[in-house]
Amino acid sequence: LQIWIIPDERDAEPNYQQINLDPRKDPNKWHLIAGPDANAPMHIRQNAEVKSAVLKNGHELTVDTVKKVNYVH
């Protein structure tokens, strides 16, 4: 998966990060892939989080929509 996110600062040095993540090993919960905080597996310069989940039959997850803009795909 390749994702391009516009940074929240101009003229920032571009970076490349790569992780190995398999949400199937721990299903039915959100797994943080990228975010602005230092505890995110991949750090991004933007007020955004990228998460992934694998759900087994009959399970569901809620999406926290505390941000001004939310996008679920």
N, C-alpha and C. Protein backbone atom coordinates (compact mmCIF):
# COMPACT_ATOMS: atom_id res chain seq x y z
N LEU A 1 0.85 -1.17 0.00
CA LEU A 1 0.00 0.00 0.00
C LEU A 1 0.90 1.23 0.00
N GLN A 2 0.63 2.13 -0.91
CA GLN A 2 1.38 3.38 -0.96
C GLN A 2 0.39 4.52 -0.76
N ILE A 3 0.69 5.39 0.19
CA ILE A 3 -0.22 6.50 0.53
C ILE A 3 0.58 7.80 0.51
N TRP A 4 0.00 8.81 -0.09
CA TRP A 4 0.59 10.15 -0.10
C TRP A 4 -0.32 11.06 0.71
N ILE A 5 0.22 11.70 1.74
CA ILE A 5 -0.54 12.63 2.59
C ILE A 5 0.19 13.96 2.56
N ILE A 6 -0.54 15.01 2.24
CA ILE A 6 0.06 16.35 2.19
C ILE A 6 0.43 16.77 3.61
N PRO A 7 1.68 17.16 3.86
CA PRO A 7 2.10 17.54 5.21
C PRO A 7 1.49 18.87 5.64
N ASP A 8 1.47 19.09 6.94
CA ASP A 8 0.91 20.32 7.48
C ASP A 8 1.94 21.45 7.58
N GLU A 9 3.13 21.23 7.04
CA GLU A 9 4.16 22.28 7.02
C GLU A 9 4.78 22.34 5.62
N ARG A 10 5.16 23.54 5.23
CA ARG A 10 5.74 23.73 3.90
C ARG A 10 7.23 23.42 3.91
N ASP A 11 7.72 22.96 2.77
CA ASP A 11 9.14 22.71 2.55
C ASP A 11 9.75 21.71 3.54
N ALA A 12 8.94 20.81 4.04
CA ALA A 12 9.46 19.77 4.94
C ALA A 12 10.24 18.75 4.12
N GLU A 13 11.26 18.20 4.72
CA GLU A 13 12.07 17.17 4.07
C GLU A 13 11.21 15.92 3.86
N PRO A 14 11.10 15.44 2.62
CA PRO A 14 10.32 14.23 2.38
C PRO A 14 10.96 13.03 3.09
N ASN A 15 10.13 12.06 3.45
CA ASN A 15 10.69 10.85 4.05
C ASN A 15 9.95 9.62 3.55
N TYR A 16 10.57 8.50 3.76
CA TYR A 16 10.03 7.21 3.34
C TYR A 16 10.07 6.30 4.55
N GLN A 17 8.96 5.62 4.81
CA GLN A 17 8.89 4.69 5.93
C GLN A 17 8.24 3.40 5.45
N GLN A 18 8.61 2.33 6.08
CA GLN A 18 8.06 1.04 5.70
C GLN A 18 7.89 0.20 6.97
N ILE A 19 6.73 -0.44 7.11
CA ILE A 19 6.50 -1.33 8.25
C ILE A 19 5.86 -2.61 7.75
N ASN A 20 5.91 -3.63 8.58
CA ASN A 20 5.23 -4.88 8.31
C ASN A 20 4.14 -5.03 9.36
N LEU A 21 2.89 -5.00 8.95
CA LEU A 21 1.77 -5.05 9.87
C LEU A 21 0.75 -6.05 9.34
N ASP A 22 0.30 -6.95 10.19
CA ASP A 22 -0.70 -7.94 9.79
C ASP A 22 -1.85 -7.92 10.79
N PRO A 23 -2.91 -7.11 10.54
CA PRO A 23 -4.02 -7.02 11.48
C PRO A 23 -4.80 -8.33 11.63
N ARG A 24 -4.59 -9.28 10.73
CA ARG A 24 -5.28 -10.58 10.84
C ARG A 24 -4.82 -11.34 12.09
N LYS A 25 -3.63 -11.04 12.57
CA LYS A 25 -3.11 -11.73 13.76
C LYS A 25 -3.82 -11.28 15.03
N ASP A 26 -4.44 -10.11 15.01
CA ASP A 26 -5.16 -9.57 16.17
C ASP A 26 -6.44 -8.91 15.66
N PRO A 27 -7.45 -9.73 15.27
CA PRO A 27 -8.64 -9.19 14.63
C PRO A 27 -9.57 -8.45 15.59
N ASN A 28 -10.57 -7.79 15.00
CA ASN A 28 -11.67 -7.14 15.71
C ASN A 28 -11.23 -5.93 16.54
N LYS A 29 -10.16 -5.27 16.12
CA LYS A 29 -9.76 -4.02 16.76
C LYS A 29 -9.00 -3.16 15.76
N TRP A 30 -8.96 -1.86 16.04
CA TRP A 30 -8.23 -0.94 15.18
C TRP A 30 -6.74 -1.07 15.43
N HIS A 31 -5.96 -1.00 14.35
CA HIS A 31 -4.51 -1.01 14.43
C HIS A 31 -4.01 0.29 13.80
N LEU A 32 -3.31 1.09 14.59
CA LEU A 32 -2.77 2.35 14.09
C LEU A 32 -1.59 2.07 13.17
N ILE A 33 -1.64 2.61 11.98
CA ILE A 33 -0.56 2.46 11.01
C ILE A 33 0.30 3.72 10.99
N ALA A 34 -0.36 4.88 10.92
CA ALA A 34 0.37 6.15 10.83
C ALA A 34 -0.39 7.24 11.56
N GLY A 35 0.35 8.18 12.12
CA GLY A 35 -0.26 9.30 12.82
C GLY A 35 0.79 10.33 13.19
N PRO A 36 0.34 11.47 13.74
CA PRO A 36 1.27 12.55 14.07
C PRO A 36 2.04 12.32 15.37
N ASP A 37 1.59 11.41 16.20
CA ASP A 37 2.23 11.19 17.49
C ASP A 37 3.43 10.25 17.37
N ALA A 38 4.35 10.39 18.30
CA ALA A 38 5.57 9.58 18.28
C ALA A 38 5.29 8.09 18.48
N ASN A 39 4.14 7.74 19.09
CA ASN A 39 3.84 6.33 19.33
C ASN A 39 3.26 5.62 18.11
N ALA A 40 3.01 6.34 17.03
CA ALA A 40 2.49 5.72 15.80
C ALA A 40 3.62 4.95 15.12
N PRO A 41 3.32 3.77 14.57
CA PRO A 41 4.36 3.01 13.86
C PRO A 41 5.02 3.81 12.74
N MET A 42 4.23 4.61 12.03
CA MET A 42 4.76 5.48 10.99
C MET A 42 4.35 6.91 11.34
N HIS A 43 5.32 7.81 11.39
CA HIS A 43 5.04 9.20 11.77
C HIS A 43 4.73 10.02 10.53
N ILE A 44 3.64 10.79 10.59
CA ILE A 44 3.30 11.70 9.49
C ILE A 44 3.17 13.11 10.04
N ARG A 45 3.45 14.09 9.19
CA ARG A 45 3.34 15.50 9.57
C ARG A 45 1.97 16.01 9.14
N GLN A 46 0.94 15.50 9.81
CA GLN A 46 -0.42 15.92 9.49
C GLN A 46 -1.32 15.49 10.65
N ASN A 47 -2.38 16.25 10.88
CA ASN A 47 -3.35 15.92 11.93
C ASN A 47 -4.29 14.85 11.39
N ALA A 48 -3.76 13.65 11.22
CA ALA A 48 -4.53 12.54 10.64
C ALA A 48 -4.00 11.23 11.20
N GLU A 49 -4.85 10.23 11.17
CA GLU A 49 -4.45 8.88 11.55
C GLU A 49 -4.89 7.92 10.46
N VAL A 50 -4.06 6.93 10.20
CA VAL A 50 -4.39 5.86 9.26
C VAL A 50 -4.46 4.59 10.10
N LYS A 51 -5.62 3.92 10.04
CA LYS A 51 -5.83 2.71 10.83
C LYS A 51 -6.36 1.60 9.94
N SER A 52 -6.19 0.37 10.40
CA SER A 52 -6.67 -0.79 9.67
C SER A 52 -7.30 -1.76 10.66
N ALA A 53 -8.26 -2.55 10.18
CA ALA A 53 -8.88 -3.57 11.03
C ALA A 53 -9.35 -4.73 10.16
N VAL A 54 -9.32 -5.90 10.74
CA VAL A 54 -9.90 -7.09 10.12
C VAL A 54 -10.98 -7.57 11.08
N LEU A 55 -12.21 -7.69 10.57
CA LEU A 55 -13.33 -8.10 11.42
C LEU A 55 -13.76 -9.51 11.08
N LYS A 56 -13.98 -10.29 12.12
CA LYS A 56 -14.54 -11.62 11.94
C LYS A 56 -16.06 -11.49 11.88
N ASN A 57 -16.73 -12.49 11.34
CA ASN A 57 -18.19 -12.46 11.20
C ASN A 57 -18.86 -12.10 12.52
N GLY A 58 -19.82 -11.16 12.46
CA GLY A 58 -20.59 -10.77 13.62
C GLY A 58 -19.96 -9.69 14.47
N HIS A 59 -18.75 -9.26 14.16
CA HIS A 59 -18.07 -8.22 14.94
C HIS A 59 -18.20 -6.87 14.24
N GLU A 60 -18.16 -5.82 15.02
CA GLU A 60 -18.18 -4.46 14.47
C GLU A 60 -17.31 -3.56 15.33
N LEU A 61 -16.89 -2.46 14.75
CA LEU A 61 -16.08 -1.46 15.45
C LEU A 61 -16.72 -0.10 15.28
N THR A 62 -16.55 0.75 16.27
CA THR A 62 -17.02 2.12 16.14
C THR A 62 -15.87 2.98 15.60
N VAL A 63 -16.25 4.08 14.98
CA VAL A 63 -15.28 5.03 14.45
C VAL A 63 -15.45 6.33 15.24
N ASP A 64 -14.40 6.75 15.93
CA ASP A 64 -14.44 8.01 16.66
C ASP A 64 -14.37 9.15 15.66
N THR A 65 -15.35 10.03 15.71
CA THR A 65 -15.41 11.14 14.76
C THR A 65 -15.27 12.47 15.51
N VAL A 66 -14.18 12.61 16.23
CA VAL A 66 -13.95 13.83 16.99
C VAL A 66 -13.27 14.92 16.17
N LYS A 67 -12.74 14.55 15.02
CA LYS A 67 -12.08 15.53 14.16
C LYS A 67 -13.11 16.30 13.35
N LYS A 68 -12.69 17.42 12.78
CA LYS A 68 -13.56 18.23 11.95
C LYS A 68 -13.89 17.51 10.64
N VAL A 69 -12.91 16.79 10.10
CA VAL A 69 -13.10 16.04 8.86
C VAL A 69 -12.79 14.58 9.15
N ASN A 70 -13.67 13.68 8.73
CA ASN A 70 -13.46 12.25 8.93
C ASN A 70 -13.69 11.53 7.61
N TYR A 71 -12.88 10.52 7.36
CA TYR A 71 -13.00 9.75 6.13
C TYR A 71 -12.81 8.29 6.47
N VAL A 72 -13.76 7.46 6.07
CA VAL A 72 -13.67 6.02 6.29
C VAL A 72 -13.76 5.35 4.93
N HIS A 73 -12.81 4.46 4.66
CA HIS A 73 -12.82 3.75 3.38
C HIS A 73 -12.78 2.27 3.64
